[in-house]
Amino acid sequence: MIFQLPDKIRNAYFGGAYTVEPKEIKERVTRYGIEYVSQILGREIYLPVTLECNNEVLRLEACTISLSGTKTIIKTKLSERVGSVKEQFNIDEYKFNIKGVFINRDDGFPEDEVSMLQRFYESTKPVTMTNALVDLIIPSPTRICIETLQLMGEVVSKSYRHVPYEFVATSDTIDTLVVV
């Protein structure tokens, strides 16, 4: 509830008009300059993801990201010994699972964001991803290939402004192959 203090009380206790200064938001970035805290609709969000492809930029703010990787290890058994000798053969691609919700700030259906993500999925060009967690593991720029895309029609809230999505992508680190 908003109410006005009588002038006599306001002047006696606050020395005139009383204002509340907005909280200063300090920049929170990694040592590589990648933002790990952002704000959406006045709320802090962590680890936002930015996708870029064909000169289009899509910012995924209300999302979670998980990263996993696997290695190929050759195990050689030795006679008369317990265990085996292990040799790392290679490190496979990293796999990303990104789940989130598109939120339209203009009280409408987020059709621009949905169609842009669909264009990124269908693109034959690599998609560049920026995220604070990923940039600590994989050197920038992180190129990905979106393998699966799922747009859910389920109701997240009682609003058509929210469209949940999920996609799986793999890192795309090899861009040249030299045959000798």
N, C-alpha and C. Protein backbone atom coordinates (compact mmCIF):
# COMPACT_ATOMS: atom_id res chain seq x y z
N MET A 1 0.84 -1.17 0.00
CA MET A 1 0.00 0.00 0.00
C MET A 1 0.89 1.24 0.00
N ILE A 2 0.58 2.19 -0.85
CA ILE A 2 1.34 3.43 -0.94
C ILE A 2 0.57 4.53 -0.23
N PHE A 3 1.26 5.27 0.62
CA PHE A 3 0.60 6.39 1.31
C PHE A 3 1.60 7.52 1.47
N GLN A 4 1.10 8.71 1.62
CA GLN A 4 1.93 9.89 1.79
C GLN A 4 2.01 10.24 3.27
N LEU A 5 3.20 10.52 3.74
CA LEU A 5 3.35 11.00 5.12
C LEU A 5 2.97 12.48 5.16
N PRO A 6 2.33 12.90 6.24
CA PRO A 6 2.05 14.33 6.36
C PRO A 6 3.36 15.12 6.31
N ASP A 7 3.29 16.33 5.75
CA ASP A 7 4.48 17.17 5.57
C ASP A 7 5.23 17.39 6.88
N LYS A 8 4.52 17.58 7.98
CA LYS A 8 5.15 17.85 9.28
C LYS A 8 6.02 16.66 9.71
N ILE A 9 5.50 15.46 9.57
CA ILE A 9 6.26 14.26 9.98
C ILE A 9 7.43 14.03 9.01
N ARG A 10 7.18 14.14 7.72
CA ARG A 10 8.23 13.91 6.72
C ARG A 10 9.39 14.88 6.93
N ASN A 11 9.11 16.13 7.16
CA ASN A 11 10.18 17.11 7.37
C ASN A 11 10.90 16.90 8.69
N ALA A 12 10.16 16.48 9.75
CA ALA A 12 10.78 16.29 11.06
C ALA A 12 11.72 15.09 11.07
N TYR A 13 11.32 14.00 10.46
CA TYR A 13 12.12 12.77 10.54
C TYR A 13 13.08 12.58 9.37
N PHE A 14 12.71 13.03 8.19
CA PHE A 14 13.53 12.78 7.02
C PHE A 14 14.16 14.03 6.44
N GLY A 15 13.86 15.18 6.98
CA GLY A 15 14.45 16.42 6.49
C GLY A 15 14.00 16.78 5.09
N GLY A 16 12.83 16.40 4.72
CA GLY A 16 12.31 16.71 3.39
C GLY A 16 11.84 15.45 2.70
N ALA A 17 11.95 15.43 1.40
CA ALA A 17 11.48 14.28 0.63
C ALA A 17 12.37 13.06 0.92
N TYR A 18 11.75 11.91 1.04
CA TYR A 18 12.48 10.67 1.31
C TYR A 18 12.46 9.83 0.03
N THR A 19 13.65 9.46 -0.41
CA THR A 19 13.74 8.64 -1.62
C THR A 19 14.57 7.41 -1.31
N VAL A 20 14.27 6.34 -2.00
CA VAL A 20 15.03 5.10 -1.89
C VAL A 20 15.85 4.97 -3.16
N GLU A 21 17.15 4.93 -3.01
CA GLU A 21 18.03 4.80 -4.16
C GLU A 21 18.01 3.37 -4.68
N PRO A 22 18.02 3.19 -6.00
CA PRO A 22 18.05 1.82 -6.53
C PRO A 22 19.35 1.13 -6.16
N LYS A 23 19.25 -0.16 -5.92
CA LYS A 23 20.43 -0.95 -5.56
C LYS A 23 21.40 -0.99 -6.74
N GLU A 24 22.65 -0.70 -6.44
CA GLU A 24 23.66 -0.73 -7.48
C GLU A 24 24.00 -2.18 -7.80
N ILE A 25 23.97 -2.49 -9.06
CA ILE A 25 24.28 -3.84 -9.51
C ILE A 25 25.72 -3.85 -9.99
N LYS A 26 26.56 -4.57 -9.27
CA LYS A 26 27.95 -4.62 -9.72
C LYS A 26 28.09 -5.68 -10.81
N GLU A 27 28.98 -5.41 -11.69
CA GLU A 27 29.19 -6.31 -12.81
C GLU A 27 29.85 -7.59 -12.32
N ARG A 28 29.26 -8.70 -12.68
CA ARG A 28 29.81 -9.99 -12.28
C ARG A 28 30.18 -10.77 -13.52
N VAL A 29 31.48 -10.82 -13.78
CA VAL A 29 31.99 -11.50 -14.96
C VAL A 29 33.14 -12.41 -14.57
N THR A 30 33.42 -13.39 -15.42
CA THR A 30 34.55 -14.29 -15.21
C THR A 30 35.83 -13.59 -15.61
N ARG A 31 36.95 -14.26 -15.39
CA ARG A 31 38.23 -13.67 -15.77
C ARG A 31 38.36 -13.49 -17.28
N TYR A 32 37.48 -14.17 -18.03
CA TYR A 32 37.47 -14.00 -19.49
C TYR A 32 36.49 -12.93 -19.94
N GLY A 33 35.84 -12.28 -18.99
CA GLY A 33 34.91 -11.20 -19.33
C GLY A 33 33.51 -11.67 -19.67
N ILE A 34 33.17 -12.91 -19.34
CA ILE A 34 31.85 -13.46 -19.64
C ILE A 34 30.94 -13.27 -18.43
N GLU A 35 29.78 -12.72 -18.65
CA GLU A 35 28.82 -12.42 -17.59
C GLU A 35 28.25 -13.73 -17.00
N TYR A 36 28.25 -13.85 -15.67
CA TYR A 36 27.66 -15.03 -15.05
C TYR A 36 26.44 -14.72 -14.21
N VAL A 37 26.13 -13.45 -14.02
CA VAL A 37 24.90 -13.04 -13.36
C VAL A 37 24.28 -11.94 -14.20
N SER A 38 22.98 -12.07 -14.44
CA SER A 38 22.27 -11.07 -15.21
C SER A 38 20.95 -10.80 -14.51
N GLN A 39 20.13 -9.95 -15.08
CA GLN A 39 18.82 -9.67 -14.50
C GLN A 39 17.75 -9.77 -15.57
N ILE A 40 16.62 -10.31 -15.17
CA ILE A 40 15.45 -10.35 -16.04
C ILE A 40 14.24 -10.01 -15.19
N LEU A 41 13.52 -9.00 -15.60
CA LEU A 41 12.32 -8.55 -14.90
C LEU A 41 12.60 -8.28 -13.42
N GLY A 42 13.77 -7.70 -13.13
CA GLY A 42 14.12 -7.35 -11.76
C GLY A 42 14.66 -8.49 -10.92
N ARG A 43 14.84 -9.66 -11.47
CA ARG A 43 15.36 -10.82 -10.73
C ARG A 43 16.72 -11.21 -11.26
N GLU A 44 17.60 -11.64 -10.35
CA GLU A 44 18.92 -12.10 -10.78
C GLU A 44 18.80 -13.49 -11.39
N ILE A 45 19.51 -13.69 -12.47
CA ILE A 45 19.59 -15.01 -13.07
C ILE A 45 21.07 -15.35 -13.22
N TYR A 46 21.36 -16.64 -13.17
CA TYR A 46 22.74 -17.10 -13.20
C TYR A 46 23.03 -17.88 -14.47
N LEU A 47 24.22 -17.70 -14.97
CA LEU A 47 24.74 -18.39 -16.14
C LEU A 47 23.84 -18.27 -17.37
N PRO A 48 23.54 -17.03 -17.82
CA PRO A 48 22.77 -16.89 -19.06
C PRO A 48 23.58 -17.41 -20.25
N VAL A 49 22.87 -17.85 -21.28
CA VAL A 49 23.50 -18.41 -22.48
C VAL A 49 23.18 -17.48 -23.65
N THR A 50 24.19 -17.20 -24.46
CA THR A 50 23.99 -16.42 -25.67
C THR A 50 24.37 -17.28 -26.87
N LEU A 51 23.46 -17.39 -27.83
CA LEU A 51 23.70 -18.13 -29.05
C LEU A 51 23.79 -17.15 -30.21
N GLU A 52 24.68 -17.43 -31.14
CA GLU A 52 24.84 -16.56 -32.30
C GLU A 52 25.05 -17.42 -33.54
N CYS A 53 24.31 -17.08 -34.61
CA CYS A 53 24.43 -17.80 -35.87
C CYS A 53 23.87 -16.91 -36.99
N ASN A 54 24.57 -16.86 -38.11
CA ASN A 54 24.11 -16.08 -39.27
C ASN A 54 23.77 -14.64 -38.90
N ASN A 55 24.60 -14.01 -38.09
CA ASN A 55 24.43 -12.61 -37.66
C ASN A 55 23.17 -12.37 -36.85
N GLU A 56 22.63 -13.40 -36.24
CA GLU A 56 21.50 -13.28 -35.33
C GLU A 56 21.97 -13.68 -33.94
N VAL A 57 21.48 -12.98 -32.91
CA VAL A 57 21.87 -13.26 -31.54
C VAL A 57 20.63 -13.57 -30.73
N LEU A 58 20.67 -14.70 -30.01
CA LEU A 58 19.56 -15.12 -29.15
C LEU A 58 20.10 -15.27 -27.74
N ARG A 59 19.51 -14.54 -26.81
CA ARG A 59 19.94 -14.60 -25.40
C ARG A 59 18.94 -15.45 -24.63
N LEU A 60 19.45 -16.53 -24.02
CA LEU A 60 18.62 -17.43 -23.21
C LEU A 60 18.89 -17.10 -21.75
N GLU A 61 17.94 -16.43 -21.12
CA GLU A 61 18.17 -15.96 -19.75
C GLU A 61 17.61 -16.90 -18.71
N ALA A 62 16.41 -17.37 -18.91
CA ALA A 62 15.77 -18.25 -17.92
C ALA A 62 16.03 -19.69 -18.33
N CYS A 63 17.25 -20.15 -18.08
CA CYS A 63 17.61 -21.51 -18.51
C CYS A 63 18.63 -22.13 -17.57
N THR A 64 18.77 -23.43 -17.68
CA THR A 64 19.82 -24.16 -16.99
C THR A 64 20.65 -24.87 -18.04
N ILE A 65 21.92 -25.05 -17.74
CA ILE A 65 22.81 -25.73 -18.69
C ILE A 65 23.60 -26.79 -17.94
N SER A 66 23.69 -27.95 -18.55
CA SER A 66 24.56 -29.00 -18.00
C SER A 66 25.55 -29.40 -19.08
N LEU A 67 26.74 -29.76 -18.66
CA LEU A 67 27.83 -30.07 -19.56
C LEU A 67 28.39 -31.42 -19.17
N SER A 68 28.60 -32.29 -20.14
CA SER A 68 29.20 -33.59 -19.84
C SER A 68 30.19 -33.94 -20.95
N GLY A 69 31.16 -34.73 -20.60
CA GLY A 69 32.17 -35.15 -21.57
C GLY A 69 32.57 -36.60 -21.31
N THR A 70 33.10 -37.23 -22.34
CA THR A 70 33.57 -38.60 -22.22
C THR A 70 34.95 -38.71 -22.88
N LYS A 71 35.71 -39.71 -22.45
CA LYS A 71 37.02 -39.99 -23.04
C LYS A 71 37.04 -41.43 -23.54
N THR A 72 37.89 -41.66 -24.50
CA THR A 72 38.16 -43.02 -24.93
C THR A 72 39.46 -43.44 -24.26
N ILE A 73 39.39 -44.50 -23.46
CA ILE A 73 40.56 -44.99 -22.73
C ILE A 73 40.80 -46.44 -23.15
N ILE A 74 42.02 -46.72 -23.57
CA ILE A 74 42.39 -48.08 -23.95
C ILE A 74 42.99 -48.75 -22.72
N LYS A 75 42.39 -49.89 -22.34
CA LYS A 75 42.87 -50.64 -21.18
C LYS A 75 43.56 -51.91 -21.65
N THR A 76 44.79 -52.08 -21.20
CA THR A 76 45.58 -53.26 -21.57
C THR A 76 45.81 -54.10 -20.32
N LYS A 77 45.35 -55.33 -20.35
CA LYS A 77 45.53 -56.25 -19.23
C LYS A 77 46.94 -56.83 -19.28
N LEU A 78 47.54 -56.96 -18.12
CA LEU A 78 48.86 -57.55 -18.02
C LEU A 78 48.76 -58.88 -17.29
N SER A 79 49.55 -59.84 -17.75
CA SER A 79 49.51 -61.15 -17.10
C SER A 79 50.19 -61.08 -15.73
N GLU A 80 49.69 -61.85 -14.83
CA GLU A 80 50.22 -61.98 -13.47
C GLU A 80 50.18 -60.67 -12.69
N ARG A 81 49.27 -59.78 -13.06
CA ARG A 81 49.10 -58.52 -12.33
C ARG A 81 47.61 -58.25 -12.15
N VAL A 82 47.33 -57.50 -11.11
CA VAL A 82 45.95 -57.09 -10.87
C VAL A 82 45.75 -55.72 -11.53
N GLY A 83 44.66 -55.58 -12.28
CA GLY A 83 44.39 -54.31 -12.92
C GLY A 83 44.87 -54.26 -14.36
N SER A 84 44.95 -53.07 -14.89
CA SER A 84 45.34 -52.88 -16.28
C SER A 84 46.07 -51.55 -16.43
N VAL A 85 46.77 -51.43 -17.56
CA VAL A 85 47.43 -50.18 -17.90
C VAL A 85 46.43 -49.38 -18.74
N LYS A 86 46.24 -48.13 -18.37
CA LYS A 86 45.26 -47.30 -19.07
C LYS A 86 45.96 -46.22 -19.87
N GLU A 87 45.49 -46.04 -21.11
CA GLU A 87 46.05 -45.03 -21.99
C GLU A 87 44.90 -44.21 -22.57
N GLN A 88 44.99 -42.90 -22.37
CA GLN A 88 43.95 -42.02 -22.91
C GLN A 88 44.15 -41.90 -24.41
N PHE A 89 43.14 -42.27 -25.16
CA PHE A 89 43.22 -42.23 -26.62
C PHE A 89 42.74 -40.88 -27.16
N ASN A 90 41.57 -40.44 -26.72
CA ASN A 90 41.09 -39.12 -27.11
C ASN A 90 40.00 -38.65 -26.16
N ILE A 91 39.67 -37.38 -26.28
CA ILE A 91 38.55 -36.81 -25.54
C ILE A 91 37.46 -36.54 -26.56
N ASP A 92 36.30 -37.12 -26.31
CA ASP A 92 35.17 -36.97 -27.24
C ASP A 92 34.58 -35.57 -27.12
N GLU A 93 33.57 -35.27 -27.93
CA GLU A 93 32.91 -33.97 -27.86
C GLU A 93 32.25 -33.78 -26.50
N TYR A 94 32.10 -32.52 -26.13
CA TYR A 94 31.32 -32.22 -24.95
C TYR A 94 29.85 -32.15 -25.35
N LYS A 95 29.00 -32.57 -24.45
CA LYS A 95 27.56 -32.57 -24.71
C LYS A 95 26.90 -31.57 -23.77
N PHE A 96 26.01 -30.75 -24.31
CA PHE A 96 25.30 -29.72 -23.53
C PHE A 96 23.82 -30.02 -23.55
N ASN A 97 23.19 -29.92 -22.40
CA ASN A 97 21.74 -30.03 -22.30
C ASN A 97 21.24 -28.72 -21.73
N ILE A 98 20.46 -28.00 -22.51
CA ILE A 98 19.98 -26.68 -22.10
C ILE A 98 18.46 -26.73 -22.04
N LYS A 99 17.94 -26.39 -20.86
CA LYS A 99 16.49 -26.36 -20.63
C LYS A 99 16.13 -24.96 -20.15
N GLY A 100 15.03 -24.46 -20.64
CA GLY A 100 14.64 -23.12 -20.21
C GLY A 100 13.24 -22.76 -20.62
N VAL A 101 12.93 -21.50 -20.42
CA VAL A 101 11.61 -20.96 -20.75
C VAL A 101 11.81 -19.62 -21.44
N PHE A 102 11.22 -19.47 -22.62
CA PHE A 102 11.18 -18.15 -23.24
C PHE A 102 10.13 -17.33 -22.52
N ILE A 103 10.49 -16.11 -22.13
CA ILE A 103 9.56 -15.22 -21.45
C ILE A 103 9.47 -13.94 -22.27
N ASN A 104 8.29 -13.65 -22.80
CA ASN A 104 8.11 -12.43 -23.56
C ASN A 104 7.83 -11.29 -22.59
N ARG A 105 8.61 -10.24 -22.68
CA ARG A 105 8.48 -9.11 -21.75
C ARG A 105 7.35 -8.17 -22.16
N ASP A 106 6.85 -8.31 -23.39
CA ASP A 106 5.81 -7.40 -23.88
C ASP A 106 4.41 -7.99 -23.74
N ASP A 107 4.25 -8.97 -22.90
CA ASP A 107 2.96 -9.59 -22.64
C ASP A 107 2.36 -10.21 -23.89
N GLY A 108 3.20 -10.79 -24.74
CA GLY A 108 2.74 -11.48 -25.93
C GLY A 108 3.43 -12.82 -26.04
N PHE A 109 3.06 -13.57 -27.06
CA PHE A 109 3.67 -14.87 -27.31
C PHE A 109 5.10 -14.66 -27.83
N PRO A 110 6.10 -15.40 -27.32
CA PRO A 110 7.50 -15.17 -27.73
C PRO A 110 7.84 -15.82 -29.07
N GLU A 111 7.12 -15.44 -30.11
CA GLU A 111 7.30 -16.09 -31.41
C GLU A 111 8.64 -15.77 -32.05
N ASP A 112 9.20 -14.57 -31.81
CA ASP A 112 10.51 -14.24 -32.39
C ASP A 112 11.60 -15.15 -31.84
N GLU A 113 11.59 -15.38 -30.52
CA GLU A 113 12.60 -16.24 -29.90
C GLU A 113 12.45 -17.70 -30.34
N VAL A 114 11.21 -18.17 -30.42
CA VAL A 114 10.96 -19.56 -30.83
C VAL A 114 11.42 -19.78 -32.27
N SER A 115 11.07 -18.85 -33.17
CA SER A 115 11.46 -19.03 -34.57
C SER A 115 12.98 -18.89 -34.76
N MET A 116 13.63 -18.03 -33.95
CA MET A 116 15.08 -17.89 -34.06
C MET A 116 15.78 -19.18 -33.61
N LEU A 117 15.32 -19.78 -32.51
CA LEU A 117 15.91 -21.04 -32.05
C LEU A 117 15.70 -22.14 -33.10
N GLN A 118 14.56 -22.15 -33.75
CA GLN A 118 14.29 -23.12 -34.80
C GLN A 118 15.22 -22.90 -35.99
N ARG A 119 15.51 -21.65 -36.35
CA ARG A 119 16.47 -21.36 -37.43
C ARG A 119 17.87 -21.81 -37.06
N PHE A 120 18.26 -21.62 -35.80
CA PHE A 120 19.57 -22.09 -35.35
C PHE A 120 19.65 -23.61 -35.45
N TYR A 121 18.58 -24.28 -35.09
CA TYR A 121 18.54 -25.75 -35.15
C TYR A 121 18.68 -26.24 -36.59
N GLU A 122 18.05 -25.58 -37.54
CA GLU A 122 18.07 -26.02 -38.93
C GLU A 122 19.28 -25.52 -39.71
N SER A 123 20.07 -24.62 -39.13
CA SER A 123 21.20 -24.04 -39.84
C SER A 123 22.28 -25.06 -40.11
N THR A 124 22.90 -24.93 -41.28
CA THR A 124 24.04 -25.80 -41.61
C THR A 124 25.35 -25.18 -41.13
N LYS A 125 25.30 -23.95 -40.66
CA LYS A 125 26.48 -23.27 -40.12
C LYS A 125 26.58 -23.56 -38.62
N PRO A 126 27.79 -23.53 -38.07
CA PRO A 126 27.90 -23.76 -36.63
C PRO A 126 27.31 -22.60 -35.83
N VAL A 127 26.80 -22.92 -34.68
CA VAL A 127 26.24 -21.93 -33.76
C VAL A 127 27.30 -21.64 -32.71
N THR A 128 27.52 -20.37 -32.42
CA THR A 128 28.49 -19.98 -31.39
C THR A 128 27.75 -19.76 -30.09
N MET A 129 28.24 -20.37 -29.02
CA MET A 129 27.60 -20.26 -27.71
C MET A 129 28.54 -19.56 -26.74
N THR A 130 27.99 -18.64 -25.95
CA THR A 130 28.75 -17.97 -24.90
C THR A 130 28.06 -18.23 -23.58
N ASN A 131 28.82 -18.75 -22.61
CA ASN A 131 28.30 -19.04 -21.28
C ASN A 131 29.50 -19.08 -20.34
N ALA A 132 29.34 -18.54 -19.14
CA ALA A 132 30.47 -18.45 -18.21
C ALA A 132 31.02 -19.81 -17.83
N LEU A 133 30.17 -20.78 -17.57
CA LEU A 133 30.62 -22.12 -17.19
C LEU A 133 31.33 -22.81 -18.35
N VAL A 134 30.73 -22.75 -19.52
CA VAL A 134 31.30 -23.42 -20.70
C VAL A 134 32.64 -22.80 -21.08
N ASP A 135 32.75 -21.48 -20.99
CA ASP A 135 34.00 -20.82 -21.38
C ASP A 135 35.16 -21.14 -20.46
N LEU A 136 34.89 -21.64 -19.26
CA LEU A 136 35.98 -22.09 -18.39
C LEU A 136 36.51 -23.45 -18.82
N ILE A 137 35.67 -24.25 -19.48
CA ILE A 137 36.05 -25.61 -19.88
C ILE A 137 36.58 -25.65 -21.31
N ILE A 138 35.88 -24.99 -22.21
CA ILE A 138 36.23 -25.03 -23.64
C ILE A 138 36.70 -23.64 -24.05
N PRO A 139 37.83 -23.55 -24.75
CA PRO A 139 38.31 -22.23 -25.16
C PRO A 139 37.30 -21.54 -26.08
N SER A 140 37.18 -20.24 -25.91
CA SER A 140 36.25 -19.44 -26.70
C SER A 140 36.81 -19.25 -28.10
N PRO A 141 36.05 -19.13 -29.15
CA PRO A 141 34.61 -19.25 -29.20
C PRO A 141 34.17 -20.71 -29.18
N THR A 142 33.10 -20.98 -28.47
CA THR A 142 32.56 -22.33 -28.37
C THR A 142 31.54 -22.53 -29.48
N ARG A 143 31.89 -23.36 -30.42
CA ARG A 143 30.96 -23.67 -31.51
C ARG A 143 30.23 -24.95 -31.17
N ILE A 144 28.94 -24.95 -31.44
CA ILE A 144 28.12 -26.12 -31.13
C ILE A 144 27.28 -26.51 -32.33
N CYS A 145 26.80 -27.74 -32.29
CA CYS A 145 25.86 -28.26 -33.27
C CYS A 145 24.64 -28.72 -32.47
N ILE A 146 23.49 -28.12 -32.74
CA ILE A 146 22.26 -28.50 -32.02
C ILE A 146 21.73 -29.78 -32.63
N GLU A 147 21.68 -30.84 -31.81
CA GLU A 147 21.27 -32.16 -32.29
C GLU A 147 19.77 -32.39 -32.15
N THR A 148 19.22 -32.02 -31.01
CA THR A 148 17.79 -32.22 -30.80
C THR A 148 17.18 -30.93 -30.25
N LEU A 149 15.94 -30.70 -30.62
CA LEU A 149 15.22 -29.51 -30.15
C LEU A 149 13.81 -29.95 -29.78
N GLN A 150 13.37 -29.52 -28.61
CA GLN A 150 12.03 -29.85 -28.16
C GLN A 150 11.38 -28.58 -27.61
N LEU A 151 10.24 -28.22 -28.18
CA LEU A 151 9.44 -27.10 -27.69
C LEU A 151 8.21 -27.71 -27.04
N MET A 152 8.00 -27.39 -25.77
CA MET A 152 6.92 -28.00 -25.03
C MET A 152 5.69 -27.10 -25.05
N GLY A 153 4.54 -27.69 -25.26
CA GLY A 153 3.29 -26.94 -25.23
C GLY A 153 2.63 -26.98 -23.88
N GLU A 154 3.33 -27.53 -22.90
CA GLU A 154 2.72 -27.63 -21.57
C GLU A 154 2.64 -26.26 -20.92
N VAL A 155 1.74 -26.14 -20.00
CA VAL A 155 1.52 -24.87 -19.33
C VAL A 155 2.50 -24.73 -18.17
N VAL A 156 3.34 -23.71 -18.23
CA VAL A 156 4.28 -23.43 -17.15
C VAL A 156 3.60 -22.52 -16.14
N SER A 157 2.85 -21.58 -16.64
CA SER A 157 2.07 -20.69 -15.80
C SER A 157 0.77 -20.43 -16.53
N LYS A 158 -0.05 -19.59 -16.00
CA LYS A 158 -1.32 -19.29 -16.66
C LYS A 158 -1.14 -18.16 -17.65
N SER A 159 -0.05 -18.22 -18.41
CA SER A 159 0.24 -17.15 -19.36
C SER A 159 0.77 -17.75 -20.64
N TYR A 160 0.38 -17.17 -21.75
CA TYR A 160 0.89 -17.59 -23.05
C TYR A 160 2.24 -16.96 -23.33
N ARG A 161 2.74 -16.12 -22.43
CA ARG A 161 4.05 -15.48 -22.59
C ARG A 161 5.20 -16.45 -22.39
N HIS A 162 4.96 -17.61 -21.79
CA HIS A 162 6.02 -18.55 -21.42
C HIS A 162 5.97 -19.77 -22.34
N VAL A 163 7.08 -20.07 -22.98
CA VAL A 163 7.19 -21.26 -23.83
C VAL A 163 8.43 -22.03 -23.38
N PRO A 164 8.25 -23.22 -22.79
CA PRO A 164 9.41 -24.02 -22.38
C PRO A 164 10.08 -24.68 -23.59
N TYR A 165 11.40 -24.85 -23.47
CA TYR A 165 12.17 -25.49 -24.53
C TYR A 165 13.26 -26.34 -23.90
N GLU A 166 13.79 -27.25 -24.70
CA GLU A 166 14.95 -28.05 -24.31
C GLU A 166 15.68 -28.43 -25.58
N PHE A 167 17.01 -28.33 -25.55
CA PHE A 167 17.78 -28.82 -26.68
C PHE A 167 19.09 -29.40 -26.20
N VAL A 168 19.59 -30.34 -27.02
CA VAL A 168 20.87 -31.00 -26.75
C VAL A 168 21.80 -30.61 -27.88
N ALA A 169 23.02 -30.23 -27.51
CA ALA A 169 24.02 -29.82 -28.51
C ALA A 169 25.35 -30.47 -28.16
N THR A 170 26.20 -30.60 -29.16
CA THR A 170 27.56 -31.10 -28.93
C THR A 170 28.54 -30.05 -29.42
N SER A 171 29.74 -30.08 -28.82
CA SER A 171 30.78 -29.13 -29.23
C SER A 171 31.23 -29.47 -30.64
N ASP A 172 31.62 -28.45 -31.36
CA ASP A 172 32.07 -28.57 -32.74
C ASP A 172 33.44 -27.95 -32.86
N THR A 173 34.45 -28.69 -32.40
CA THR A 173 35.79 -28.10 -32.29
C THR A 173 36.65 -28.29 -33.53
N ILE A 174 36.38 -29.30 -34.32
CA ILE A 174 37.20 -29.56 -35.51
C ILE A 174 36.56 -28.88 -36.70
N ASP A 175 37.26 -27.87 -37.25
CA ASP A 175 36.71 -27.17 -38.41
C ASP A 175 37.55 -27.36 -39.67
N THR A 176 38.73 -27.93 -39.52
CA THR A 176 39.56 -28.22 -40.69
C THR A 176 40.12 -29.63 -40.52
N LEU A 177 40.28 -30.29 -41.63
CA LEU A 177 40.86 -31.63 -41.62
C LEU A 177 41.90 -31.69 -42.73
N VAL A 178 43.12 -31.98 -42.36
CA VAL A 178 44.20 -32.04 -43.34
C VAL A 178 44.52 -33.51 -43.60
N VAL A 179 44.42 -33.91 -44.85
CA VAL A 179 44.73 -35.28 -45.23
C VAL A 179 46.11 -35.29 -45.86
N VAL A 180 46.99 -36.13 -45.33
CA VAL A 180 48.35 -36.22 -45.86
C VAL A 180 48.62 -37.56 -46.47
